């Protein structure tokens, strides 16, 4: 049970790291993470300055901001942020293997947290529309077990 509680806390940590663009948050820890990650999405120029999401992610300033916003949770999850066509992907892979029973509970909790954070991720997609010259940019959040098997994923537009 203690392990599951730690796992769920790690989930909340990961969701808060990806919380780019969130303006109103009831949880100050989530708000602080969202504020630091929001800089990842909002370049200073108002015109579209990136030809693709991959180009956006290769910008040194963006790389530094992503690094800063994802530090700290490596002992529980490995975080990767990458481009997949017109999609910005946040992939969280747990470093420890979880049983099917635990995965079922985790999926329910993660799905609930992602639904609660939908406004955050759709806000990220909206900001990508402003700064990246790509049609219909999306944000995908993926949670994986240590073996790479997908626990759950959700796409936001």
N, C-alpha and C. Protein backbone atom coordinates (compact mmCIF):
# COMPACT_ATOMS: atom_id res chain seq x y z
N UNK A 1 0.83 -1.19 0.00
CA UNK A 1 0.00 0.00 0.00
C UNK A 1 0.87 1.26 0.00
N UNK A 2 1.93 1.24 0.83
CA UNK A 2 2.83 2.39 0.90
C UNK A 2 3.46 2.66 -0.47
N UNK A 3 3.81 1.59 -1.18
CA UNK A 3 4.40 1.70 -2.51
C UNK A 3 3.41 2.35 -3.48
N UNK A 4 2.14 1.96 -3.39
CA UNK A 4 1.11 2.51 -4.26
C UNK A 4 0.89 4.00 -3.99
N UNK A 5 0.93 4.39 -2.74
CA UNK A 5 0.78 5.81 -2.39
C UNK A 5 1.94 6.61 -2.97
N UNK A 6 3.16 6.10 -2.86
CA UNK A 6 4.32 6.77 -3.45
C UNK A 6 4.17 6.89 -4.96
N UNK A 7 3.65 5.84 -5.56
CA UNK A 7 3.45 5.82 -7.00
C UNK A 7 2.44 6.89 -7.42
N UNK A 8 1.35 7.00 -6.67
CA UNK A 8 0.33 8.00 -7.00
C UNK A 8 0.87 9.42 -6.79
N UNK A 9 1.69 9.61 -5.78
CA UNK A 9 2.31 10.92 -5.60
C UNK A 9 3.23 11.25 -6.77
N UNK A 10 3.94 10.24 -7.26
CA UNK A 10 4.80 10.44 -8.44
C UNK A 10 3.96 10.81 -9.64
N UNK A 11 2.79 10.21 -9.78
CA UNK A 11 1.88 10.54 -10.88
C UNK A 11 1.50 12.01 -10.82
N UNK A 12 1.11 12.46 -9.65
CA UNK A 12 0.74 13.87 -9.51
C UNK A 12 1.92 14.79 -9.82
N UNK A 13 3.11 14.38 -9.43
CA UNK A 13 4.31 15.14 -9.74
C UNK A 13 4.49 15.26 -11.25
N UNK A 14 4.33 14.14 -11.96
CA UNK A 14 4.52 14.13 -13.41
C UNK A 14 3.49 14.99 -14.12
N UNK A 15 2.24 14.89 -13.69
CA UNK A 15 1.19 15.71 -14.31
C UNK A 15 1.49 17.17 -14.09
N UNK A 16 1.97 17.51 -12.90
CA UNK A 16 2.27 18.92 -12.64
C UNK A 16 3.46 19.41 -13.46
N UNK A 17 4.42 18.52 -13.75
CA UNK A 17 5.56 18.92 -14.58
C UNK A 17 5.13 19.28 -15.99
N UNK A 18 4.16 18.57 -16.48
CA UNK A 18 3.70 18.80 -17.84
C UNK A 18 2.65 19.89 -17.91
N UNK A 19 2.33 20.47 -16.81
CA UNK A 19 1.23 21.43 -16.74
C UNK A 19 1.63 22.77 -17.33
N UNK A 20 1.95 22.77 -18.58
CA UNK A 20 2.36 24.00 -19.27
C UNK A 20 1.15 24.88 -19.50
N UNK A 21 1.29 26.14 -19.21
CA UNK A 21 0.26 27.10 -19.55
C UNK A 21 -0.85 27.25 -18.53
N UNK A 22 -0.87 26.47 -17.48
CA UNK A 22 -1.91 26.58 -16.47
C UNK A 22 -1.82 27.92 -15.77
N UNK A 23 -2.93 28.65 -15.73
CA UNK A 23 -2.94 29.97 -15.11
C UNK A 23 -3.55 29.95 -13.71
N UNK A 24 -4.61 29.15 -13.51
CA UNK A 24 -5.29 29.11 -12.22
C UNK A 24 -5.20 27.71 -11.65
N UNK A 25 -4.49 27.58 -10.56
CA UNK A 25 -4.34 26.26 -9.96
C UNK A 25 -4.61 26.36 -8.48
N UNK A 26 -5.39 25.40 -7.97
CA UNK A 26 -5.67 25.41 -6.55
C UNK A 26 -4.50 24.88 -5.75
N UNK A 27 -3.66 24.04 -6.36
CA UNK A 27 -2.53 23.45 -5.66
C UNK A 27 -1.29 24.27 -5.97
N UNK A 28 -0.66 24.88 -4.96
CA UNK A 28 0.47 25.76 -5.22
C UNK A 28 1.66 25.01 -5.78
N UNK A 29 1.87 23.75 -5.39
CA UNK A 29 2.99 22.99 -5.96
C UNK A 29 2.76 22.76 -7.44
N UNK A 30 1.54 22.41 -7.81
CA UNK A 30 1.21 22.24 -9.22
C UNK A 30 1.34 23.56 -9.95
N UNK A 31 0.91 24.65 -9.33
CA UNK A 31 1.01 25.96 -9.96
C UNK A 31 2.46 26.34 -10.19
N UNK A 32 3.33 26.11 -9.21
CA UNK A 32 4.75 26.43 -9.39
C UNK A 32 5.35 25.63 -10.53
N UNK A 33 5.04 24.34 -10.60
CA UNK A 33 5.54 23.51 -11.69
C UNK A 33 4.97 23.99 -13.02
N UNK A 34 3.70 24.34 -13.01
CA UNK A 34 3.07 24.81 -14.24
C UNK A 34 3.71 26.12 -14.70
N UNK A 35 3.98 27.02 -13.77
CA UNK A 35 4.60 28.29 -14.13
C UNK A 35 5.97 28.09 -14.75
N UNK A 36 6.77 27.18 -14.18
CA UNK A 36 8.10 26.97 -14.72
C UNK A 36 8.02 26.27 -16.07
N UNK A 37 7.07 25.37 -16.23
CA UNK A 37 6.92 24.66 -17.50
C UNK A 37 6.26 25.54 -18.55
N UNK A 38 5.47 26.52 -18.15
CA UNK A 38 4.80 27.39 -19.13
C UNK A 38 5.81 28.11 -19.99
N UNK A 39 6.94 28.42 -19.44
CA UNK A 39 7.99 29.08 -20.23
C UNK A 39 8.48 28.17 -21.35
N UNK A 40 8.31 26.87 -21.19
CA UNK A 40 8.71 25.93 -22.23
C UNK A 40 7.90 26.17 -23.49
N UNK A 41 6.64 26.50 -23.33
CA UNK A 41 5.75 26.62 -24.47
C UNK A 41 5.72 28.03 -25.03
N UNK A 42 5.93 29.04 -24.23
CA UNK A 42 5.70 30.40 -24.66
C UNK A 42 6.99 31.13 -25.01
N UNK A 43 7.46 31.02 -26.26
CA UNK A 43 8.63 31.78 -26.66
C UNK A 43 8.32 33.28 -26.61
N UNK A 44 9.35 34.08 -26.61
CA UNK A 44 9.14 35.51 -26.47
C UNK A 44 8.60 36.15 -27.73
N UNK A 45 8.88 35.62 -28.89
CA UNK A 45 8.39 36.21 -30.13
C UNK A 45 6.91 35.91 -30.31
N UNK A 46 6.17 36.86 -30.88
CA UNK A 46 4.75 36.64 -31.07
C UNK A 46 4.46 35.95 -32.40
N UNK A 47 5.36 35.99 -33.35
CA UNK A 47 5.16 35.34 -34.64
C UNK A 47 5.58 33.88 -34.55
N UNK A 48 5.09 33.08 -35.49
CA UNK A 48 5.50 31.68 -35.53
C UNK A 48 6.97 31.64 -35.89
N UNK A 49 7.76 31.13 -34.99
CA UNK A 49 9.20 31.10 -35.24
C UNK A 49 9.75 29.71 -35.40
N UNK A 50 8.91 28.69 -35.34
CA UNK A 50 9.37 27.32 -35.49
C UNK A 50 8.60 26.65 -36.63
N UNK A 51 9.31 25.92 -37.48
CA UNK A 51 8.67 25.28 -38.63
C UNK A 51 8.01 23.95 -38.26
N UNK A 52 8.41 23.38 -37.13
CA UNK A 52 7.83 22.12 -36.67
C UNK A 52 7.99 22.02 -35.16
N UNK A 53 7.29 21.07 -34.60
CA UNK A 53 7.43 20.83 -33.16
C UNK A 53 8.83 20.32 -32.85
N UNK A 54 9.39 19.51 -33.75
CA UNK A 54 10.75 19.04 -33.57
C UNK A 54 11.73 20.21 -33.55
N UNK A 55 11.54 21.17 -34.46
CA UNK A 55 12.37 22.37 -34.50
C UNK A 55 12.23 23.15 -33.19
N UNK A 56 11.02 23.26 -32.73
CA UNK A 56 10.73 23.93 -31.45
C UNK A 56 11.49 23.26 -30.31
N UNK A 57 11.45 21.93 -30.26
CA UNK A 57 12.11 21.20 -29.17
C UNK A 57 13.63 21.26 -29.27
N UNK A 58 14.17 21.50 -30.46
CA UNK A 58 15.62 21.60 -30.63
C UNK A 58 16.17 22.98 -30.30
N UNK A 59 15.32 23.94 -30.03
CA UNK A 59 15.76 25.27 -29.64
C UNK A 59 16.46 25.18 -28.28
N UNK A 60 17.69 25.70 -28.17
CA UNK A 60 18.44 25.59 -26.89
C UNK A 60 17.68 26.15 -25.69
N UNK A 61 16.99 27.24 -25.88
CA UNK A 61 16.23 27.82 -24.77
C UNK A 61 15.10 26.91 -24.32
N UNK A 62 14.42 26.30 -25.28
CA UNK A 62 13.33 25.38 -24.96
C UNK A 62 13.90 24.14 -24.28
N UNK A 63 15.02 23.62 -24.79
CA UNK A 63 15.64 22.45 -24.17
C UNK A 63 15.99 22.71 -22.71
N UNK A 64 16.53 23.88 -22.44
CA UNK A 64 16.90 24.22 -21.07
C UNK A 64 15.67 24.31 -20.17
N UNK A 65 14.60 24.91 -20.70
CA UNK A 65 13.38 25.03 -19.90
C UNK A 65 12.75 23.66 -19.63
N UNK A 66 12.79 22.78 -20.62
CA UNK A 66 12.26 21.43 -20.42
C UNK A 66 13.10 20.71 -19.37
N UNK A 67 14.40 20.83 -19.47
CA UNK A 67 15.29 20.17 -18.50
C UNK A 67 14.98 20.66 -17.09
N UNK A 68 14.83 21.96 -16.92
CA UNK A 68 14.54 22.52 -15.60
C UNK A 68 13.19 22.05 -15.07
N UNK A 69 12.20 21.94 -15.95
CA UNK A 69 10.86 21.58 -15.48
C UNK A 69 10.70 20.09 -15.23
N UNK A 70 11.61 19.26 -15.73
CA UNK A 70 11.47 17.81 -15.53
C UNK A 70 12.46 17.23 -14.54
N UNK A 71 13.32 18.04 -13.96
CA UNK A 71 14.28 17.55 -12.97
C UNK A 71 13.58 17.24 -11.67
N UNK A 72 14.08 16.23 -10.98
CA UNK A 72 13.60 15.96 -9.64
C UNK A 72 12.83 14.66 -9.47
N UNK A 73 12.23 14.13 -10.51
CA UNK A 73 11.43 12.92 -10.35
C UNK A 73 12.06 11.68 -10.93
N UNK A 74 13.36 11.77 -11.29
CA UNK A 74 14.02 10.68 -12.00
C UNK A 74 14.08 9.37 -11.21
N UNK A 75 13.97 9.43 -9.89
CA UNK A 75 14.04 8.19 -9.11
C UNK A 75 12.75 7.37 -9.23
N UNK A 76 11.68 7.99 -9.69
CA UNK A 76 10.40 7.30 -9.82
C UNK A 76 10.01 7.11 -11.28
N UNK A 77 10.19 8.15 -12.08
CA UNK A 77 9.85 8.08 -13.51
C UNK A 77 10.93 8.71 -14.35
N UNK A 78 11.07 8.18 -15.55
CA UNK A 78 11.95 8.79 -16.54
C UNK A 78 11.04 9.60 -17.46
N UNK A 79 11.38 10.86 -17.67
CA UNK A 79 10.56 11.75 -18.47
C UNK A 79 11.23 12.02 -19.80
N UNK A 80 10.46 11.88 -20.87
CA UNK A 80 10.93 12.25 -22.20
C UNK A 80 9.91 13.18 -22.82
N UNK A 81 10.39 14.24 -23.46
CA UNK A 81 9.54 15.15 -24.20
C UNK A 81 10.08 15.15 -25.62
N UNK A 82 9.22 14.80 -26.58
CA UNK A 82 9.68 14.70 -27.96
C UNK A 82 8.54 15.01 -28.93
N UNK A 83 8.92 15.20 -30.21
CA UNK A 83 7.96 15.46 -31.27
C UNK A 83 7.65 14.17 -32.00
N UNK A 84 6.40 14.05 -32.37
CA UNK A 84 5.93 12.92 -33.18
C UNK A 84 4.97 13.52 -34.20
N UNK A 85 5.51 13.88 -35.38
CA UNK A 85 4.76 14.60 -36.41
C UNK A 85 4.25 15.93 -35.84
N UNK A 86 2.92 16.10 -35.77
CA UNK A 86 2.35 17.35 -35.27
C UNK A 86 2.00 17.27 -33.78
N UNK A 87 2.65 16.37 -33.07
CA UNK A 87 2.30 16.12 -31.67
C UNK A 87 3.51 16.31 -30.75
N UNK A 88 3.28 17.06 -29.69
CA UNK A 88 4.26 17.20 -28.62
C UNK A 88 3.94 16.10 -27.60
N UNK A 89 4.89 15.21 -27.36
CA UNK A 89 4.64 14.04 -26.51
C UNK A 89 5.38 14.19 -25.19
N UNK A 90 4.64 14.01 -24.11
CA UNK A 90 5.22 13.88 -22.77
C UNK A 90 5.11 12.41 -22.42
N UNK A 91 6.23 11.72 -22.30
CA UNK A 91 6.20 10.30 -21.98
C UNK A 91 6.86 10.08 -20.63
N UNK A 92 6.11 9.45 -19.75
CA UNK A 92 6.59 9.15 -18.40
C UNK A 92 6.69 7.64 -18.26
N UNK A 93 7.90 7.14 -18.00
CA UNK A 93 8.11 5.71 -17.84
C UNK A 93 8.58 5.44 -16.41
N UNK A 94 7.82 4.63 -15.71
CA UNK A 94 8.19 4.29 -14.33
C UNK A 94 9.47 3.47 -14.34
N UNK A 95 10.35 3.73 -13.40
CA UNK A 95 11.62 3.01 -13.33
C UNK A 95 11.46 1.64 -12.66
N UNK A 96 10.39 1.45 -11.94
CA UNK A 96 10.11 0.19 -11.27
C UNK A 96 8.95 -0.51 -11.97
N UNK A 97 8.98 -1.83 -12.01
CA UNK A 97 7.90 -2.58 -12.65
C UNK A 97 6.71 -2.71 -11.71
N UNK A 98 5.51 -2.51 -12.25
CA UNK A 98 4.29 -2.66 -11.47
C UNK A 98 3.44 -3.78 -12.02
N UNK A 99 2.84 -4.53 -11.13
CA UNK A 99 2.01 -5.68 -11.50
C UNK A 99 0.76 -5.22 -12.23
N UNK A 100 0.09 -6.17 -12.89
CA UNK A 100 -1.15 -5.85 -13.60
C UNK A 100 -2.19 -5.28 -12.65
N UNK A 101 -2.24 -5.80 -11.43
CA UNK A 101 -3.20 -5.31 -10.44
C UNK A 101 -2.92 -3.84 -10.11
N UNK A 102 -1.65 -3.51 -9.86
CA UNK A 102 -1.30 -2.12 -9.57
C UNK A 102 -1.52 -1.23 -10.78
N UNK A 103 -1.22 -1.74 -11.98
CA UNK A 103 -1.40 -0.96 -13.21
C UNK A 103 -2.87 -0.60 -13.39
N UNK A 104 -3.77 -1.51 -13.07
CA UNK A 104 -5.20 -1.23 -13.21
C UNK A 104 -5.61 -0.06 -12.32
N UNK A 105 -5.12 -0.06 -11.08
CA UNK A 105 -5.41 1.04 -10.16
C UNK A 105 -4.76 2.34 -10.65
N UNK A 106 -3.50 2.22 -11.09
CA UNK A 106 -2.77 3.39 -11.58
C UNK A 106 -3.48 4.01 -12.77
N UNK A 107 -3.92 3.18 -13.72
CA UNK A 107 -4.59 3.69 -14.92
C UNK A 107 -5.80 4.53 -14.55
N UNK A 108 -6.59 4.03 -13.62
CA UNK A 108 -7.78 4.77 -13.19
C UNK A 108 -7.39 6.13 -12.60
N UNK A 109 -6.38 6.14 -11.75
CA UNK A 109 -5.94 7.38 -11.11
C UNK A 109 -5.31 8.34 -12.13
N UNK A 110 -4.49 7.80 -13.02
CA UNK A 110 -3.84 8.64 -14.03
C UNK A 110 -4.89 9.24 -14.96
N UNK A 111 -5.83 8.41 -15.43
CA UNK A 111 -6.88 8.91 -16.32
C UNK A 111 -7.68 10.03 -15.65
N UNK A 112 -7.95 9.86 -14.38
CA UNK A 112 -8.68 10.89 -13.64
C UNK A 112 -7.86 12.19 -13.56
N UNK A 113 -6.57 12.05 -13.25
CA UNK A 113 -5.70 13.23 -13.16
C UNK A 113 -5.57 13.91 -14.52
N UNK A 114 -5.48 13.14 -15.59
CA UNK A 114 -5.38 13.73 -16.92
C UNK A 114 -6.67 14.45 -17.30
N UNK A 115 -7.81 13.88 -16.95
CA UNK A 115 -9.09 14.55 -17.21
C UNK A 115 -9.17 15.86 -16.45
N UNK A 116 -8.72 15.83 -15.20
CA UNK A 116 -8.72 17.06 -14.38
C UNK A 116 -7.77 18.11 -14.95
N UNK A 117 -6.74 17.67 -15.68
CA UNK A 117 -5.73 18.57 -16.24
C UNK A 117 -5.96 18.87 -17.71
N UNK A 118 -7.09 18.50 -18.26
CA UNK A 118 -7.35 18.67 -19.70
C UNK A 118 -7.16 20.10 -20.15
N UNK A 119 -7.60 21.06 -19.36
CA UNK A 119 -7.47 22.47 -19.73
C UNK A 119 -5.99 22.87 -19.89
N UNK A 120 -5.15 22.31 -19.06
CA UNK A 120 -3.71 22.59 -19.13
C UNK A 120 -3.16 22.13 -20.47
N UNK A 121 -3.45 20.88 -20.83
CA UNK A 121 -2.87 20.32 -22.03
C UNK A 121 -3.47 20.90 -23.30
N UNK A 122 -4.75 21.23 -23.28
CA UNK A 122 -5.33 21.91 -24.45
C UNK A 122 -4.75 23.31 -24.57
N UNK A 123 -4.40 23.93 -23.46
CA UNK A 123 -3.72 25.23 -23.48
C UNK A 123 -2.34 25.13 -24.11
N UNK A 124 -1.64 24.03 -23.85
CA UNK A 124 -0.33 23.81 -24.48
C UNK A 124 -0.51 23.70 -25.99
N UNK A 125 -1.50 22.93 -26.42
CA UNK A 125 -1.76 22.78 -27.86
C UNK A 125 -2.10 24.14 -28.48
N UNK A 126 -2.85 24.94 -27.79
CA UNK A 126 -3.20 26.28 -28.30
C UNK A 126 -1.95 27.15 -28.45
N UNK A 127 -1.08 27.11 -27.47
CA UNK A 127 0.15 27.89 -27.57
C UNK A 127 1.05 27.38 -28.69
N UNK A 128 1.06 26.07 -28.92
CA UNK A 128 1.83 25.53 -30.04
C UNK A 128 1.27 26.07 -31.37
N UNK A 129 -0.06 26.20 -31.44
CA UNK A 129 -0.66 26.78 -32.66
C UNK A 129 -0.16 28.19 -32.91
N UNK A 130 0.13 28.90 -31.83
CA UNK A 130 0.61 30.28 -31.96
C UNK A 130 2.06 30.36 -32.40
N UNK A 131 2.90 29.43 -31.97
CA UNK A 131 4.34 29.56 -32.17
C UNK A 131 4.97 28.58 -33.14
N UNK A 132 4.24 27.54 -33.51
CA UNK A 132 4.80 26.51 -34.39
C UNK A 132 3.97 26.45 -35.66
N UNK A 133 4.63 26.48 -36.80
CA UNK A 133 3.96 26.45 -38.10
C UNK A 133 3.64 25.01 -38.48
N UNK A 134 2.62 24.46 -37.84
CA UNK A 134 2.17 23.10 -38.13
C UNK A 134 0.66 23.06 -37.99
N UNK A 135 0.03 22.22 -38.79
CA UNK A 135 -1.42 22.11 -38.74
C UNK A 135 -1.85 21.25 -37.56
N UNK A 136 -2.86 21.71 -36.88
CA UNK A 136 -3.49 20.96 -35.80
C UNK A 136 -2.50 20.34 -34.81
N UNK A 137 -1.67 21.16 -34.15
CA UNK A 137 -0.75 20.60 -33.16
C UNK A 137 -1.52 19.98 -32.00
N UNK A 138 -0.98 18.90 -31.50
CA UNK A 138 -1.61 18.18 -30.41
C UNK A 138 -0.59 17.92 -29.31
N UNK A 139 -1.10 17.58 -28.16
CA UNK A 139 -0.25 17.19 -27.03
C UNK A 139 -0.71 15.80 -26.61
N UNK A 140 0.25 14.90 -26.49
CA UNK A 140 -0.06 13.54 -26.05
C UNK A 140 0.72 13.26 -24.77
N UNK A 141 0.03 12.70 -23.80
CA UNK A 141 0.65 12.31 -22.54
C UNK A 141 0.56 10.79 -22.45
N UNK A 142 1.72 10.17 -22.23
CA UNK A 142 1.80 8.71 -22.19
C UNK A 142 2.46 8.29 -20.88
N UNK A 143 1.86 7.33 -20.20
CA UNK A 143 2.46 6.72 -19.01
C UNK A 143 2.76 5.27 -19.33
N UNK A 144 4.00 4.83 -19.05
CA UNK A 144 4.43 3.47 -19.36
C UNK A 144 4.98 2.78 -18.12
N UNK A 145 4.85 1.46 -18.11
CA UNK A 145 5.50 0.65 -17.10
C UNK A 145 6.99 0.59 -17.45
N UNK A 146 7.81 0.05 -16.60
CA UNK A 146 9.26 0.03 -16.83
C UNK A 146 9.66 -0.73 -18.09
N UNK A 147 8.83 -1.66 -18.54
CA UNK A 147 9.13 -2.44 -19.74
C UNK A 147 8.67 -1.76 -21.02
N UNK A 148 8.14 -0.55 -20.90
CA UNK A 148 7.69 0.20 -22.08
C UNK A 148 6.23 -0.03 -22.42
N UNK A 149 5.57 -0.97 -21.75
CA UNK A 149 4.16 -1.19 -22.04
C UNK A 149 3.35 0.02 -21.57
N UNK A 150 2.42 0.44 -22.40
CA UNK A 150 1.64 1.64 -22.12
C UNK A 150 0.59 1.34 -21.05
N UNK A 151 0.61 2.15 -20.01
CA UNK A 151 -0.41 2.06 -18.97
C UNK A 151 -1.64 2.82 -19.43
N UNK A 152 -1.42 4.04 -19.90
CA UNK A 152 -2.51 4.85 -20.44
C UNK A 152 -1.90 5.99 -21.24
N UNK A 153 -2.70 6.54 -22.14
CA UNK A 153 -2.30 7.72 -22.90
C UNK A 153 -3.53 8.51 -23.27
N UNK A 154 -3.31 9.79 -23.46
CA UNK A 154 -4.42 10.68 -23.83
C UNK A 154 -3.87 11.77 -24.73
N UNK A 155 -4.65 12.13 -25.74
CA UNK A 155 -4.29 13.17 -26.68
C UNK A 155 -5.19 14.38 -26.44
N UNK A 156 -4.56 15.56 -26.45
CA UNK A 156 -5.28 16.83 -26.25
C UNK A 156 -5.09 17.71 -27.47
N UNK A 157 -6.15 18.37 -27.90
CA UNK A 157 -6.05 19.26 -29.05
C UNK A 157 -6.50 20.66 -28.69
